[in-house]
C-alpha cells in the first residue's frame, strides 16, 4: 500500500518493519499458535477496497494483537542464538 501511495520513505520503512516482524515471529512464535488466520489479510484488504476505514483499522489492530498474543516473550523463554538460526558464517 505504501508503494501504491508513492511514498518512498514509508515504503522503505514498511519493508524494514516487515523483515524485522517476520524475524520476531519466526523466533518467538509460540509452537502451539497458528500464525495468521487464513481470512485475516483478505478481510483487511476487502475493507480497504470498500473504503471502510474504521473496519480496516479495527481488523488490522485485531490482526496485530493476535500476532502479539501468540509470541512467547516471557523472561523465562529459552534464549535464541541467531547464529544457530542463520548458521555459522
PDB file of N, CA and C in Angstrom:
ATOM      1  N   UNK A   1       0.830  -1.186   0.000  1.00  0.00           N
ATOM      2  CA  UNK A   1       0.000   0.000   0.000  1.00  0.00           C
ATOM      3  C   UNK A   1       0.874   1.250   0.000  1.00  0.00           C
ATOM      4  N   UNK A   2       1.985   1.179   0.729  1.00  0.00           N
ATOM      5  CA  UNK A   2       2.886   2.328   0.762  1.00  0.00           C
ATOM      6  C   UNK A   2       3.437   2.599  -0.635  1.00  0.00           C
ATOM      7  N   UNK A   3       3.755   1.523  -1.349  1.00  0.00           N
ATOM      8  CA  UNK A   3       4.250   1.667  -2.720  1.00  0.00           C
ATOM      9  C   UNK A   3       3.183   2.278  -3.616  1.00  0.00           C
ATOM     10  N   UNK A   4       1.951   1.788  -3.492  1.00  0.00           N
ATOM     11  CA  UNK A   4       0.850   2.326  -4.295  1.00  0.00           C
ATOM     12  C   UNK A   4       0.613   3.806  -4.003  1.00  0.00           C
ATOM     13  N   UNK A   5       0.880   4.198  -2.765  1.00  0.00           N
ATOM     14  CA  UNK A   5       0.707   5.598  -2.383  1.00  0.00           C
ATOM     15  C   UNK A   5       1.844   6.467  -2.921  1.00  0.00           C
ATOM     16  N   UNK A   6       2.905   5.827  -3.419  1.00  0.00           N
ATOM     17  CA  UNK A   6       4.028   6.579  -3.972  1.00  0.00           C
ATOM     18  C   UNK A   6       4.907   7.230  -2.924  1.00  0.00           C
ATOM     19  N   UNK A   7       4.877   6.696  -1.705  1.00  0.00           N
ATOM     20  CA  UNK A   7       5.646   7.271  -0.615  1.00  0.00           C
ATOM     21  C   UNK A   7       6.900   6.425  -0.395  1.00  0.00           C
ATOM     22  N   UNK A   8       8.029   6.889  -0.938  1.00  0.00           N
ATOM     23  CA  UNK A   8       9.273   6.121  -0.864  1.00  0.00           C
ATOM     24  C   UNK A   8       9.762   5.904   0.560  1.00  0.00           C
ATOM     25  N   UNK A   9       9.633   6.910   1.405  1.00  0.00           N
ATOM     26  CA  UNK A   9      10.089   6.785   2.799  1.00  0.00           C
ATOM     27  C   UNK A   9       9.250   5.747   3.525  1.00  0.00           C
ATOM     28  N   UNK A  10       7.950   5.830   3.363  1.00  0.00           N
ATOM     29  CA  UNK A  10       7.055   4.866   4.006  1.00  0.00           C
ATOM     30  C   UNK A  10       7.285   3.461   3.441  1.00  0.00           C
ATOM     31  N   UNK A  11       7.508   3.353   2.138  1.00  0.00           N
ATOM     32  CA  UNK A  11       7.776   2.058   1.514  1.00  0.00           C
ATOM     33  C   UNK A  11       9.018   1.426   2.118  1.00  0.00           C
ATOM     34  N   UNK A  12      10.099   2.185   2.232  1.00  0.00           N
ATOM     35  CA  UNK A  12      11.340   1.668   2.811  1.00  0.00           C
ATOM     36  C   UNK A  12      11.119   1.261   4.273  1.00  0.00           C
ATOM     37  N   UNK A  13      10.427   2.093   5.018  1.00  0.00           N
ATOM     38  CA  UNK A  13      10.159   1.789   6.430  1.00  0.00           C
ATOM     39  C   UNK A  13       9.331   0.518   6.567  1.00  0.00           C
ATOM     40  N   UNK A  14       8.327   0.358   5.714  1.00  0.00           N
ATOM     41  CA  UNK A  14       7.473  -0.824   5.786  1.00  0.00           C
ATOM     42  C   UNK A  14       8.247  -2.090   5.411  1.00  0.00           C
ATOM     43  N   UNK A  15       9.141  -1.996   4.440  1.00  0.00           N
ATOM     44  CA  UNK A  15       9.958  -3.161   4.081  1.00  0.00           C
ATOM     45  C   UNK A  15      10.832  -3.583   5.253  1.00  0.00           C
ATOM     46  N   UNK A  16      11.463  -2.610   5.903  1.00  0.00           N
ATOM     47  CA  UNK A  16      12.317  -2.913   7.055  1.00  0.00           C
ATOM     48  C   UNK A  16      11.496  -3.477   8.201  1.00  0.00           C
ATOM     49  N   UNK A  17      10.346  -2.884   8.457  1.00  0.00           N
ATOM     50  CA  UNK A  17       9.475  -3.344   9.539  1.00  0.00           C
ATOM     51  C   UNK A  17       8.966  -4.756   9.255  1.00  0.00           C
ATOM     52  N   UNK A  18       8.637  -5.038   8.014  1.00  0.00           N
ATOM     53  CA  UNK A  18       8.166  -6.373   7.643  1.00  0.00           C
ATOM     54  C   UNK A  18       9.249  -7.407   7.880  1.00  0.00           C
ATOM     55  N   UNK A  19      10.472  -7.091   7.504  1.00  0.00           N
ATOM     56  CA  UNK A  19      11.593  -8.020   7.708  1.00  0.00           C
ATOM     57  C   UNK A  19      11.791  -8.298   9.190  1.00  0.00           C
ATOM     58  N   UNK A  20      11.811  -7.259   9.988  1.00  0.00           N
ATOM     59  CA  UNK A  20      12.016  -7.418  11.432  1.00  0.00           C
ATOM     60  C   UNK A  20      10.852  -8.186  12.056  1.00  0.00           C
ATOM     61  N   UNK A  21       9.628  -7.880  11.640  1.00  0.00           N
ATOM     62  CA  UNK A  21       8.449  -8.555  12.178  1.00  0.00           C
ATOM     63  C   UNK A  21       8.486 -10.045  11.860  1.00  0.00           C
ATOM     64  N   UNK A  22       8.843 -10.384  10.622  1.00  0.00           N
ATOM     65  CA  UNK A  22       8.935 -11.804  10.241  1.00  0.00           C
ATOM     66  C   UNK A  22       9.990 -12.525  11.074  1.00  0.00           C
ATOM     67  N   UNK A  23      11.110 -11.879  11.315  1.00  0.00           N
ATOM     68  CA  UNK A  23      12.161 -12.472  12.134  1.00  0.00           C
ATOM     69  C   UNK A  23      11.664 -12.708  13.561  1.00  0.00           C
ATOM     70  N   UNK A  24      11.012 -11.723  14.132  1.00  0.00           N
ATOM     71  CA  UNK A  24      10.492 -11.854  15.501  1.00  0.00           C
ATOM     72  C   UNK A  24       9.475 -12.984  15.576  1.00  0.00           C
ATOM     73  N   UNK A  25       8.570 -13.048  14.590  1.00  0.00           N
ATOM     74  CA  UNK A  25       7.570 -14.119  14.586  1.00  0.00           C
ATOM     75  C   UNK A  25       8.263 -15.474  14.463  1.00  0.00           C
ATOM     76  N   UNK A  26       9.250 -15.564  13.593  1.00  0.00           N
ATOM     77  CA  UNK A  26       9.971 -16.833  13.418  1.00  0.00           C
ATOM     78  C   UNK A  26      10.670 -17.272  14.703  1.00  0.00           C
ATOM     79  N   UNK A  27      11.233 -16.322  15.421  1.00  0.00           N
ATOM     80  CA  UNK A  27      11.989 -16.642  16.627  1.00  0.00           C
ATOM     81  C   UNK A  27      11.118 -16.871  17.851  1.00  0.00           C
ATOM     82  N   UNK A  28      10.019 -16.124  17.977  1.00  0.00           N
ATOM     83  CA  UNK A  28       9.268 -16.119  19.233  1.00  0.00           C
ATOM     84  C   UNK A  28       7.835 -16.619  19.129  1.00  0.00           C
ATOM     85  N   UNK A  29       7.426 -17.094  17.979  1.00  0.00           N
ATOM     86  CA  UNK A  29       6.063 -17.592  17.836  1.00  0.00           C
ATOM     87  C   UNK A  29       5.897 -18.828  18.706  1.00  0.00           C
ATOM     88  N   UNK A  30       4.838 -18.842  19.493  1.00  0.00           N
ATOM     89  CA  UNK A  30       4.573 -19.990  20.357  1.00  0.00           C
ATOM     90  C   UNK A  30       4.321 -21.218  19.478  1.00  0.00           C
ATOM     91  N   UNK A  31       4.886 -22.359  19.836  1.00  0.00           N
ATOM     92  CA  UNK A  31       4.762 -23.548  18.983  1.00  0.00           C
ATOM     93  C   UNK A  31       3.323 -24.004  18.774  1.00  0.00           C
ATOM     94  N   UNK A  32       2.432 -23.652  19.682  1.00  0.00           N
ATOM     95  CA  UNK A  32       1.035 -24.072  19.557  1.00  0.00           C
ATOM     96  C   UNK A  32       0.183 -23.066  18.796  1.00  0.00           C
ATOM     97  N   UNK A  33       0.742 -21.936  18.389  1.00  0.00           N
ATOM     98  CA  UNK A  33      -0.050 -20.911  17.708  1.00  0.00           C
ATOM     99  C   UNK A  33      -0.164 -21.217  16.224  1.00  0.00           C
ATOM    100  N   UNK A  34      -1.123 -20.553  15.598  1.00  0.00           N
ATOM    101  CA  UNK A  34      -1.360 -20.802  14.178  1.00  0.00           C
ATOM    102  C   UNK A  34      -1.173 -19.529  13.360  1.00  0.00           C
ATOM    103  N   UNK A  35      -0.153 -18.777  13.650  1.00  0.00           N
ATOM    104  CA  UNK A  35       0.183 -17.565  12.902  1.00  0.00           C
ATOM    105  C   UNK A  35      -1.069 -16.766  12.531  1.00  0.00           C
ATOM    106  N   UNK A  36      -1.274 -16.479  11.264  1.00  0.00           N
ATOM    107  CA  UNK A  36      -2.418 -15.679  10.827  1.00  0.00           C
ATOM    108  C   UNK A  36      -3.579 -16.585  10.446  1.00  0.00           C
ATOM    109  N   UNK A  37      -4.778 -16.171  10.838  1.00  0.00           N
ATOM    110  CA  UNK A  37      -5.953 -16.881  10.336  1.00  0.00           C
ATOM    111  C   UNK A  37      -6.018 -16.669   8.830  1.00  0.00           C
ATOM    112  N   UNK A  38      -6.507 -17.648   8.111  1.00  0.00           N
ATOM    113  CA  UNK A  38      -6.426 -17.589   6.650  1.00  0.00           C
ATOM    114  C   UNK A  38      -7.234 -16.456   6.033  1.00  0.00           C
ATOM    115  N   UNK A  39      -8.238 -15.942   6.720  1.00  0.00           N
ATOM    116  CA  UNK A  39      -9.062 -14.883   6.141  1.00  0.00           C
ATOM    117  C   UNK A  39      -8.673 -13.474   6.586  1.00  0.00           C
ATOM    118  N   UNK A  40      -7.722 -13.355   7.499  1.00  0.00           N
ATOM    119  CA  UNK A  40      -7.393 -12.039   8.064  1.00  0.00           C
ATOM    120  C   UNK A  40      -6.950 -11.022   7.012  1.00  0.00           C
ATOM    121  N   UNK A  41      -5.982 -11.388   6.199  1.00  0.00           N
ATOM    122  CA  UNK A  41      -5.461 -10.431   5.214  1.00  0.00           C
ATOM    123  C   UNK A  41      -6.527 -10.068   4.191  1.00  0.00           C
ATOM    124  N   UNK A  42      -7.287 -11.059   3.737  1.00  0.00           N
ATOM    125  CA  UNK A  42      -8.349 -10.798   2.753  1.00  0.00           C
ATOM    126  C   UNK A  42      -9.404  -9.869   3.324  1.00  0.00           C
ATOM    127  N   UNK A  43      -9.744 -10.044   4.594  1.00  0.00           N
ATOM    128  CA  UNK A  43     -10.755  -9.175   5.219  1.00  0.00           C
ATOM    129  C   UNK A  43     -10.254  -7.736   5.342  1.00  0.00           C
ATOM    130  N   UNK A  44      -8.988  -7.567   5.682  1.00  0.00           N
ATOM    131  CA  UNK A  44      -8.413  -6.224   5.789  1.00  0.00           C
ATOM    132  C   UNK A  44      -8.413  -5.557   4.420  1.00  0.00           C
ATOM    133  N   UNK A  45      -7.952  -6.261   3.408  1.00  0.00           N
ATOM    134  CA  UNK A  45      -7.921  -5.701   2.056  1.00  0.00           C
ATOM    135  C   UNK A  45      -9.328  -5.407   1.569  1.00  0.00           C
ATOM    136  N   UNK A  46     -10.268  -6.294   1.868  1.00  0.00           N
ATOM    137  CA  UNK A  46     -11.666  -6.062   1.488  1.00  0.00           C
ATOM    138  C   UNK A  46     -12.217  -4.776   2.083  1.00  0.00           C
ATOM    139  N   UNK A  47     -11.913  -4.528   3.346  1.00  0.00           N
ATOM    140  CA  UNK A  47     -12.379  -3.294   4.000  1.00  0.00           C
ATOM    141  C   UNK A  47     -11.747  -2.069   3.350  1.00  0.00           C
ATOM    142  N   UNK A  48     -10.487  -2.174   2.960  1.00  0.00           N
ATOM    143  CA  UNK A  48      -9.815  -1.055   2.291  1.00  0.00           C
ATOM    144  C   UNK A  48     -10.458  -0.801   0.936  1.00  0.00           C
ATOM    145  N   UNK A  49     -10.687  -1.860   0.173  1.00  0.00           N
ATOM    146  CA  UNK A  49     -11.311  -1.720  -1.150  1.00  0.00           C
ATOM    147  C   UNK A  49     -12.691  -1.095  -1.031  1.00  0.00           C
ATOM    148  N   UNK A  50     -13.436  -1.480  -0.006  1.00  0.00           N
ATOM    149  CA  UNK A  50     -14.774  -0.926   0.226  1.00  0.00           C
ATOM    150  C   UNK A  50     -14.728   0.517   0.712  1.00  0.00           C
ATOM    151  N   UNK A  51     -13.545   0.981   1.098  1.00  0.00           N
ATOM    152  CA  UNK A  51     -13.415   2.333   1.632  1.00  0.00           C
ATOM    153  C   UNK A  51     -13.887   2.448   3.067  1.00  0.00           C
ATOM    154  N   UNK A  52     -13.972   1.304   3.763  1.00  0.00           N
ATOM    155  CA  UNK A  52     -14.441   1.287   5.147  1.00  0.00           C
ATOM    156  C   UNK A  52     -13.230   1.405   6.073  1.00  0.00           C
ATOM    157  N   UNK A  53     -12.817   2.653   6.283  1.00  0.00           N
ATOM    158  CA  UNK A  53     -11.602   2.924   7.063  1.00  0.00           C
ATOM    159  C   UNK A  53     -11.687   2.373   8.480  1.00  0.00           C
ATOM    160  N   UNK A  54     -12.818   2.593   9.147  1.00  0.00           N
ATOM    161  CA  UNK A  54     -12.953   2.132  10.533  1.00  0.00           C
ATOM    162  C   UNK A  54     -12.810   0.616  10.630  1.00  0.00           C
ATOM    163  N   UNK A  55     -13.450  -0.095   9.708  1.00  0.00           N
ATOM    164  CA  UNK A  55     -13.356  -1.562   9.729  1.00  0.00           C
ATOM    165  C   UNK A  55     -11.927  -2.017   9.414  1.00  0.00           C
ATOM    166  N   UNK A  56     -11.283  -1.371   8.443  1.00  0.00           N
ATOM    167  CA  UNK A  56      -9.903  -1.736   8.091  1.00  0.00           C
ATOM    168  C   UNK A  56      -8.972  -1.542   9.285  1.00  0.00           C
ATOM    169  N   UNK A  57      -9.113  -0.429   9.968  1.00  0.00           N
ATOM    170  CA  UNK A  57      -8.266  -0.145  11.141  1.00  0.00           C
ATOM    171  C   UNK A  57      -8.544  -1.162  12.246  1.00  0.00           C
ATOM    172  N   UNK A  58      -9.814  -1.429  12.504  1.00  0.00           N
ATOM    173  CA  UNK A  58     -10.173  -2.391  13.542  1.00  0.00           C
ATOM    174  C   UNK A  58      -9.611  -3.772  13.228  1.00  0.00           C
ATOM    175  N   UNK A  59      -9.786  -4.212  11.984  1.00  0.00           N
ATOM    176  CA  UNK A  59      -9.275  -5.525  11.585  1.00  0.00           C
ATOM    177  C   UNK A  59      -7.751  -5.591  11.679  1.00  0.00           C
ATOM    178  N   UNK A  60      -7.074  -4.523  11.282  1.00  0.00           N
ATOM    179  CA  UNK A  60      -5.609  -4.511  11.344  1.00  0.00           C
ATOM    180  C   UNK A  60      -5.128  -4.558  12.783  1.00  0.00           C
ATOM    181  N   UNK A  61      -5.759  -3.795  13.655  1.00  0.00           N
ATOM    182  CA  UNK A  61      -5.373  -3.810  15.066  1.00  0.00           C
ATOM    183  C   UNK A  61      -5.626  -5.182  15.689  1.00  0.00           C
ATOM    184  N   UNK A  62      -6.738  -5.819  15.336  1.00  0.00           N
ATOM    185  CA  UNK A  62      -7.024  -7.170  15.830  1.00  0.00           C
ATOM    186  C   UNK A  62      -5.972  -8.158  15.315  1.00  0.00           C
ATOM    187  N   UNK A  63      -5.596  -8.006  14.058  1.00  0.00           N
ATOM    188  CA  UNK A  63      -4.592  -8.871  13.444  1.00  0.00           C
ATOM    189  C   UNK A  63      -3.252  -8.738  14.177  1.00  0.00           C
ATOM    190  N   UNK A  64      -2.827  -7.522  14.423  1.00  0.00           N
ATOM    191  CA  UNK A  64      -1.564  -7.292  15.128  1.00  0.00           C
ATOM    192  C   UNK A  64      -1.617  -7.823  16.555  1.00  0.00           C
ATOM    193  N   UNK A  65      -2.751  -7.663  17.206  1.00  0.00           N
ATOM    194  CA  UNK A  65      -2.905  -8.169  18.577  1.00  0.00           C
ATOM    195  C   UNK A  65      -2.863  -9.695  18.586  1.00  0.00           C
ATOM    196  N   UNK A  66      -3.485 -10.338  17.601  1.00  0.00           N
ATOM    197  CA  UNK A  66      -3.423 -11.799  17.508  1.00  0.00           C
ATOM    198  C   UNK A  66      -1.976 -12.263  17.389  1.00  0.00           C
ATOM    199  N   UNK A  67      -1.217 -11.586  16.540  1.00  0.00           N
ATOM    200  CA  UNK A  67       0.193 -11.951  16.367  1.00  0.00           C
ATOM    201  C   UNK A  67       0.950 -11.743  17.673  1.00  0.00           C
ATOM    202  N   UNK A  68       0.784 -10.570  18.285  1.00  0.00           N
ATOM    203  CA  UNK A  68       1.483 -10.264  19.534  1.00  0.00           C
ATOM    204  C   UNK A  68       1.144 -11.274  20.626  1.00  0.00           C
ATOM    205  N   UNK A  69      -0.125 -11.635  20.735  1.00  0.00           N
ATOM    206  CA  UNK A  69      -0.538 -12.540  21.812  1.00  0.00           C
ATOM    207  C   UNK A  69       0.005 -13.958  21.629  1.00  0.00           C
ATOM    208  N   UNK A  70       0.410 -14.306  20.412  1.00  0.00           N
ATOM    209  CA  UNK A  70       0.965 -15.637  20.156  1.00  0.00           C
ATOM    210  C   UNK A  70       2.482 -15.698  20.306  1.00  0.00           C
ATOM    211  N   UNK A  71       3.111 -14.570  20.589  1.00  0.00           N
ATOM    212  CA  UNK A  71       4.560 -14.570  20.768  1.00  0.00           C
ATOM    213  C   UNK A  71       4.915 -15.004  22.183  1.00  0.00           C
ATOM    214  N   UNK A  72       5.961 -15.789  22.312  1.00  0.00           N
ATOM    215  CA  UNK A  72       6.438 -16.222  23.620  1.00  0.00           C
ATOM    216  C   UNK A  72       7.541 -15.252  24.050  1.00  0.00           C
ATOM    217  N   UNK A  73       7.147 -14.194  24.746  1.00  0.00           N
ATOM    218  CA  UNK A  73       8.093 -13.156  25.162  1.00  0.00           C
ATOM    219  C   UNK A  73       8.369 -13.179  26.661  1.00  0.00           C
ATOM    220  N   UNK A  74       8.054 -14.311  27.298  1.00  0.00           N
ATOM    221  CA  UNK A  74       8.301 -14.411  28.740  1.00  0.00           C
ATOM    222  C   UNK A  74       9.791 -14.356  29.017  1.00  0.00           C
ATOM    223  N   UNK A  75      10.131 -13.823  30.176  1.00  0.00           N
ATOM    224  CA  UNK A  75      11.545 -13.733  30.565  1.00  0.00           C
ATOM    225  C   UNK A  75      12.197 -15.109  30.691  1.00  0.00           C
ATOM    226  N   UNK A  76      11.406 -16.128  30.994  1.00  0.00           N
ATOM    227  CA  UNK A  76      11.973 -17.460  31.160  1.00  0.00           C
ATOM    228  C   UNK A  76      11.999 -18.254  29.851  1.00  0.00           C
ATOM    229  N   UNK A  77      11.662 -17.598  28.757  1.00  0.00           N
ATOM    230  CA  UNK A  77      11.709 -18.265  27.445  1.00  0.00           C
ATOM    231  C   UNK A  77      13.161 -18.581  27.111  1.00  0.00           C
ATOM    232  N   UNK A  78      13.387 -19.659  26.375  1.00  0.00           N
ATOM    233  CA  UNK A  78      14.766 -20.009  26.023  1.00  0.00           C
ATOM    234  C   UNK A  78      15.439 -18.898  25.212  1.00  0.00           C
ATOM    235  N   UNK A  79      16.719 -18.721  25.451  1.00  0.00           N
ATOM    236  CA  UNK A  79      17.499 -17.735  24.699  1.00  0.00           C
ATOM    237  C   UNK A  79      17.735 -18.294  23.309  1.00  0.00           C
ATOM    238  N   UNK A  80      17.495 -17.475  22.311  1.00  0.00           N
ATOM    239  CA  UNK A  80      17.660 -17.911  20.927  1.00  0.00           C
ATOM    240  C   UNK A  80      18.943 -17.312  20.375  1.00  0.00           C
ATOM    241  N   UNK A  81      19.815 -18.183  19.918  1.00  0.00           N
ATOM    242  CA  UNK A  81      21.079 -17.749  19.343  1.00  0.00           C
ATOM    243  C   UNK A  81      20.897 -17.540  17.841  1.00  0.00           C
ATOM    244  N   UNK A  82      21.049 -16.322  17.389  1.00  0.00           N
ATOM    245  CA  UNK A  82      20.854 -16.028  15.961  1.00  0.00           C
ATOM    246  C   UNK A  82      21.834 -16.789  15.085  1.00  0.00           C
ATOM    247  N   UNK A  83      23.012 -17.055  15.591  1.00  0.00           N
ATOM    248  CA  UNK A  83      23.997 -17.811  14.816  1.00  0.00           C
ATOM    249  C   UNK A  83      23.464 -19.215  14.519  1.00  0.00           C
ATOM    250  N   UNK A  84      22.779 -19.800  15.480  1.00  0.00           N
ATOM    251  CA  UNK A  84      22.198 -21.121  15.261  1.00  0.00           C
ATOM    252  C   UNK A  84      21.046 -21.066  14.264  1.00  0.00           C
ATOM    253  N   UNK A  85      20.299 -19.970  14.300  1.00  0.00           N
ATOM    254  CA  UNK A  85      19.180 -19.809  13.373  1.00  0.00           C
ATOM    255  C   UNK A  85      19.675 -19.656  11.947  1.00  0.00           C
ATOM    256  N   UNK A  86      20.688 -18.803  11.740  1.00  0.00           N
ATOM    257  CA  UNK A  86      21.155 -18.488  10.394  1.00  0.00           C
ATOM    258  C   UNK A  86      22.357 -19.330   9.958  1.00  0.00           C
ATOM    259  N   UNK A  87      22.896 -20.109  10.856  1.00  0.00           N
ATOM    260  CA  UNK A  87      24.052 -20.928  10.532  1.00  0.00           C
ATOM    261  C   UNK A  87      25.338 -20.149  10.742  1.00  0.00           C
ATOM    262  N   UNK A  88      26.391 -20.850  11.010  1.00  0.00           N
ATOM    263  CA  UNK A  88      27.689 -20.208  11.236  1.00  0.00           C
ATOM    264  C   UNK A  88      28.163 -19.544   9.953  1.00  0.00           C
ATOM    265  N   UNK A  89      28.705 -18.369  10.118  1.00  0.00           N
ATOM    266  CA  UNK A  89      29.200 -17.608   8.963  1.00  0.00           C
ATOM    267  C   UNK A  89      30.679 -17.806   8.812  1.00  0.00           C
TER     268      UNK A  89
END
